[in-house]
């Protein structure tokens, strides 16, 4: 194997003890997986003998997972907001304090470590909902997209793909109160200036920044720019005035890129929108042309029946983040009704209170059980699709999230011999495994995790140092 700046170029043939292939209700055994140029070129089921030139993947091999909704800097809050009471709004003040301390250098370090933790959890692609655009006092950096560049570089060095969802954030309230304090760094003034700044960002990789292994990122392979997409986000209806929303919608549509939006996360947001606009947030977005197959509504927790019908009939996706929604006491979203209405379902870790898409997937089913007092709303295959193929599609990567010829060669292998998975059949592993059970991860055919360890980063040390630099010990 040979090293590049973020990964290891590994074998081109893998023999999976079990592999979850598309269209299968349960995993297949003894699957020979062949790849070249970062794509799957051959999938053969029932190859009992391991070829001499194949690397053995012991356990259950899954397609790469997609974390559809991330705020990388929230990782610094883990374990620091769990005591006491409060609600989303009191938690937000703690979050703003962290946001106010970051600069491009410290954000690169924190995001790199956070994305490397994602890689250890089997995440091969992240959707970064990014609104920390400017300096803490609102002034632009010399490079107005310096924070965006830091996030792209962080993902590159951690070895995963990124869809940077450049977020428009203009006002503090639904009725248009101006940004103040920590929010000043989020704003561009109006949507046209947001569009000019976001449109001027040309992601580059291989800047020469050294990662923790001492390897320069400039050694990345020539196709590394294909690991970055830039989409758009409307932070929420309280942060983007109704007459500004179409500018963001058009920006994403002209580029054929994803559009994401926080939707009805809090009842207070719904009440304010109804009072000011006479419509729900979903109705307001529909009137502004913001719904559709390229749009993903994040959280979508407090919806009316009419809201669900609007989202479903337009093909708008829904990204649920169960561990964050329960950590912040947001409420339980209507997962099954959204899917039944026609919304593709994806998953995110949002605040990274927990960084484990297996737990997010189980949370979707568990929350439905709590909401309805009935079991069995989603099959394991449906939940896996939400965590993989649907998540990648929501981020614009329609060629990823499946183990099939022609798809991007992402693989995630989960041990079946840990204390959590021992004695569990491969078909039931999604109900038992955690991020700690991930042993091997490939992204575009490159080895990022081997034997449960990141191949270029000491992730615990990187997290400790990066978080300490922002919040102290």
Foldseek 3Di string as FASTA:
>chain_A
DDDFLAFFQDAQKAWEQWEDFPPDLFTAGGWIWGDDQQFTADIDGDPPDDDPRYHYFAFYKFFFFEFQEAAQQLQLCQPPPQDDDDFLVVVVVVVLLLLQQDDLVLLLLSLLLSLLLLVLLRHQEYEHADQQQDHQQQDADPLSRSNVQSNCQSNLNSRHFYAYALEAFAADFLVRHGDDGRCSSRHQHALVSSLVSLVVDDHDWLPQDHDPLRHGRVRDDPCSSVRYHYAHEYAFSTGHPLVRVLSNQVSRVVVVFAYEYAAPLAVVRQVRCCVPPVDGRLVSCVVSVNAAQRYEHEQQADDDPVSLLSNQVRQHAYEYAQVVSVSNVSHQRPVLSSVVSHHQYAYHNYSPSPSWLLVRLVSNQVSVCVVPVDHDRDRPVSSLCNRFQSSCVNRPQNQGRRSDGRRRPWMWGFHCCDPQRPPPDSSCVSVTTTSQRTAWIDGSSTTQHHGSDGPRDPSVVSNVVSSCVSPND
